[in-house]
Amino acid sequence: YVEAQRLAYPLRSRTRFSEIVGAGGHEPRGQLIEAGDDIATRELAQVLGLKTGAPLIRIEALRLADRTPICVSTTWLSAERFPDAGSVFANLRSMTKLLAHYGIRDYRRSTTRITAAIADATDAARLDLALGRPVLVVDATDVDPADKPLVTKRSRFAAERVEFLVENS
């Protein structure tokens, strides 16, 4: 039994999955699981600077390094600001490219919260993990240069495949 080396995953103000995975010598891949309409709960509305009940687009995606599943993420965006974002993501398979499609060339991470959990059956299957394995849950919000919220997401990382490095810059 040989344990694979964990992917070093720096968390910084400009955290980009494709860049991080590519810099580690791996091929980054994104795969749309599903996209659909949602409405802003009080919590999502507050984080995104919207009214409760505002229309959202929810994107479920699987991110891989080479062919190894690294994380599953749920991302919410304003449906008004990013119409048809689900189809755009399906074609581009990158949140950075999706935002660029809507004219946003730069953005930064405003908040990152990391907790631990046990993978539920759906995430375990998507991440190719045994039931009962741990995941690192990363709740994050990205903002544009004017500090206006763009997206908020909840990513579940296979804990045995990554190590986070918090960079203060």
Protein backbone atom coordinates (compact mmCIF):
# COMPACT_ATOMS: atom_id res chain seq x y z
CA TYR A 1 0.00 0.00 0.00
CA VAL A 2 1.44 3.34 -1.07
CA GLU A 3 -0.20 6.51 0.09
CA ALA A 4 -0.30 9.20 -2.58
CA GLN A 5 1.30 12.54 -1.80
CA ARG A 6 -1.19 15.22 -0.83
CA LEU A 7 -1.78 18.14 -3.15
CA ALA A 8 -0.37 21.33 -1.63
CA TYR A 9 -3.22 23.83 -1.86
CA PRO A 10 -2.35 27.41 -0.90
CA LEU A 11 -5.21 29.60 0.30
CA ARG A 12 -4.54 33.20 -0.59
CA SER A 13 -6.36 36.31 -1.70
CA ARG A 14 -6.39 35.04 -5.29
CA THR A 15 -7.11 31.34 -4.89
CA ARG A 16 -7.64 29.69 -8.32
CA PHE A 17 -8.09 25.91 -8.50
CA SER A 18 -6.72 25.53 -12.04
CA GLU A 19 -3.59 27.56 -11.28
CA ILE A 20 -2.91 25.70 -8.02
CA VAL A 21 -3.33 22.25 -9.54
CA GLY A 22 -1.37 23.18 -12.68
CA ALA A 23 1.50 24.62 -10.62
CA GLY A 24 1.73 21.27 -8.84
CA GLY A 25 2.34 19.52 -12.16
CA HIS A 26 -1.17 18.11 -12.50
CA GLU A 27 -3.85 18.61 -15.11
CA PRO A 28 -6.77 20.57 -13.61
CA ARG A 29 -10.23 19.51 -14.70
CA GLY A 30 -13.68 20.77 -13.88
CA GLN A 31 -16.89 18.90 -14.47
CA LEU A 32 -20.41 20.23 -14.13
CA ILE A 33 -22.59 17.94 -12.05
CA GLU A 34 -25.69 20.09 -12.30
CA ALA A 35 -26.80 23.69 -12.43
CA GLY A 36 -30.16 25.10 -11.56
CA ASP A 37 -32.17 27.96 -10.21
CA ASP A 38 -32.25 28.67 -6.50
CA ILE A 39 -33.44 31.45 -4.23
CA ALA A 40 -31.40 33.38 -1.71
CA THR A 41 -31.92 32.26 1.85
CA ARG A 42 -31.36 34.92 4.47
CA GLU A 43 -27.77 33.71 4.93
CA LEU A 44 -26.94 33.57 1.21
CA ALA A 45 -28.58 36.96 0.62
CA GLN A 46 -26.49 38.52 3.37
CA VAL A 47 -23.22 37.07 2.03
CA LEU A 48 -24.00 38.04 -1.58
CA GLY A 49 -25.40 41.48 -0.75
CA LEU A 50 -28.85 40.61 -2.12
CA LYS A 51 -32.41 40.56 -0.80
CA THR A 52 -33.78 37.38 0.74
CA GLY A 53 -35.62 35.49 -2.00
CA ALA A 54 -33.50 36.98 -4.81
CA PRO A 55 -33.02 34.58 -7.73
CA LEU A 56 -29.74 32.66 -7.71
CA ILE A 57 -27.98 30.17 -9.91
CA ARG A 58 -26.54 27.16 -8.10
CA ILE A 59 -23.68 25.23 -9.71
CA GLU A 60 -22.57 21.82 -8.46
CA ALA A 61 -19.13 20.90 -9.81
CA LEU A 62 -16.47 18.26 -9.39
CA ARG A 63 -12.84 19.38 -9.57
CA LEU A 64 -10.04 16.93 -10.38
CA ALA A 65 -6.25 16.87 -10.49
CA ASP A 66 -5.37 14.59 -13.37
CA ARG A 67 -8.18 12.04 -12.97
CA THR A 68 -8.30 12.14 -9.17
CA PRO A 69 -11.33 13.85 -7.58
CA ILE A 70 -10.15 16.61 -5.24
CA CYS A 71 -13.31 18.48 -4.33
CA VAL A 72 -17.00 18.90 -4.93
CA SER A 73 -18.33 22.43 -4.73
CA THR A 74 -21.66 24.18 -4.58
CA THR A 75 -21.47 27.75 -5.87
CA TRP A 76 -24.19 30.39 -5.76
CA LEU A 77 -24.29 33.48 -8.00
CA SER A 78 -26.85 36.20 -8.61
CA ALA A 79 -29.10 35.12 -11.50
CA GLU A 80 -29.62 38.77 -12.40
CA ARG A 81 -25.90 39.57 -12.64
CA PHE A 82 -24.88 36.21 -14.17
CA PRO A 83 -27.75 35.03 -16.38
CA ASP A 84 -27.21 31.57 -17.86
CA ALA A 85 -24.14 30.97 -15.64
CA GLY A 86 -24.83 27.25 -15.48
CA SER A 87 -24.53 26.84 -19.26
CA VAL A 88 -21.46 29.07 -19.33
CA PHE A 89 -19.78 26.94 -16.66
CA ALA A 90 -20.73 23.75 -18.51
CA ASN A 91 -18.82 25.04 -21.54
CA LEU A 92 -15.84 26.66 -19.81
CA ARG A 93 -15.53 24.37 -16.72
CA SER A 94 -13.83 27.15 -14.76
CA MET A 95 -15.21 29.77 -12.37
CA THR A 96 -12.45 32.21 -13.36
CA LYS A 97 -13.37 31.83 -17.04
CA LEU A 98 -17.06 32.12 -16.19
CA LEU A 99 -16.48 35.43 -14.40
CA ALA A 100 -14.30 36.66 -17.29
CA HIS A 101 -17.19 35.80 -19.65
CA TYR A 102 -19.25 38.36 -17.71
CA GLY A 103 -16.47 40.99 -17.88
CA ILE A 104 -14.88 40.34 -14.48
CA ARG A 105 -11.14 40.13 -15.09
CA ASP A 106 -10.01 40.18 -11.48
CA TYR A 107 -11.47 39.10 -8.18
CA ARG A 108 -10.21 38.15 -4.76
CA ARG A 109 -11.19 35.99 -1.84
CA SER A 110 -12.80 38.06 0.91
CA THR A 111 -13.50 35.25 3.39
CA THR A 112 -12.53 31.63 3.85
CA ARG A 113 -13.82 29.40 6.63
CA ILE A 114 -12.50 25.84 7.01
CA THR A 115 -14.22 23.13 9.02
CA ALA A 116 -14.12 19.34 9.02
CA ALA A 117 -16.94 16.89 8.42
CA ILE A 118 -17.61 13.31 7.41
CA ALA A 119 -18.47 12.91 3.73
CA ASP A 120 -22.13 12.19 3.15
CA ALA A 121 -23.03 9.36 0.76
CA THR A 122 -23.36 11.67 -2.27
CA ASP A 123 -20.04 13.44 -1.73
CA ALA A 124 -18.28 10.17 -0.88
CA ALA A 125 -19.41 8.69 -4.20
CA ARG A 126 -18.43 11.79 -6.17
CA LEU A 127 -15.03 11.99 -4.48
CA ASP A 128 -14.44 8.24 -4.68
CA LEU A 129 -14.12 8.01 -0.90
CA ALA A 130 -15.20 5.27 1.49
CA LEU A 131 -18.17 6.19 3.66
CA GLY A 132 -17.03 7.70 6.92
CA ARG A 133 -13.95 9.41 5.44
CA PRO A 134 -13.29 13.03 6.40
CA VAL A 135 -13.70 16.04 4.16
CA LEU A 136 -12.44 19.57 4.67
CA VAL A 137 -15.33 21.97 4.15
CA VAL A 138 -14.31 25.37 2.78
CA ASP A 139 -16.90 28.13 2.77
CA ALA A 140 -15.62 31.07 0.74
CA THR A 141 -16.81 34.30 -0.81
CA ASP A 142 -15.14 36.09 -3.70
CA VAL A 143 -15.51 39.80 -4.41
CA ASP A 144 -14.72 42.12 -7.30
CA PRO A 145 -12.13 44.95 -7.02
CA ALA A 146 -14.85 47.21 -5.56
CA ASP A 147 -15.53 44.60 -2.81
CA LYS A 148 -18.93 43.68 -4.28
CA PRO A 149 -19.68 40.01 -3.67
CA LEU A 150 -19.57 37.85 -6.80
CA VAL A 151 -19.94 34.25 -5.67
CA THR A 152 -20.13 32.26 -2.49
CA LYS A 153 -19.32 28.58 -2.38
CA ARG A 154 -19.11 25.54 -0.18
CA SER A 155 -16.39 23.13 -1.30
CA ARG A 156 -15.83 19.69 0.18
CA PHE A 157 -12.23 18.51 -0.26
CA ALA A 158 -11.11 14.91 0.18
CA ALA A 159 -9.04 15.45 3.34
CA GLU A 160 -6.62 12.64 2.49
CA ARG A 161 -5.72 14.28 -0.84
CA VAL A 162 -4.99 17.89 0.08
CA GLU A 163 -3.12 20.00 2.57
CA PHE A 164 -4.01 23.65 2.91
CA LEU A 165 -1.33 26.30 3.22
CA VAL A 166 -2.66 29.66 4.42
CA GLU A 167 -0.61 32.42 2.86
CA ASN A 168 -0.78 35.89 4.35
CA SER A 169 -0.22 38.30 1.52
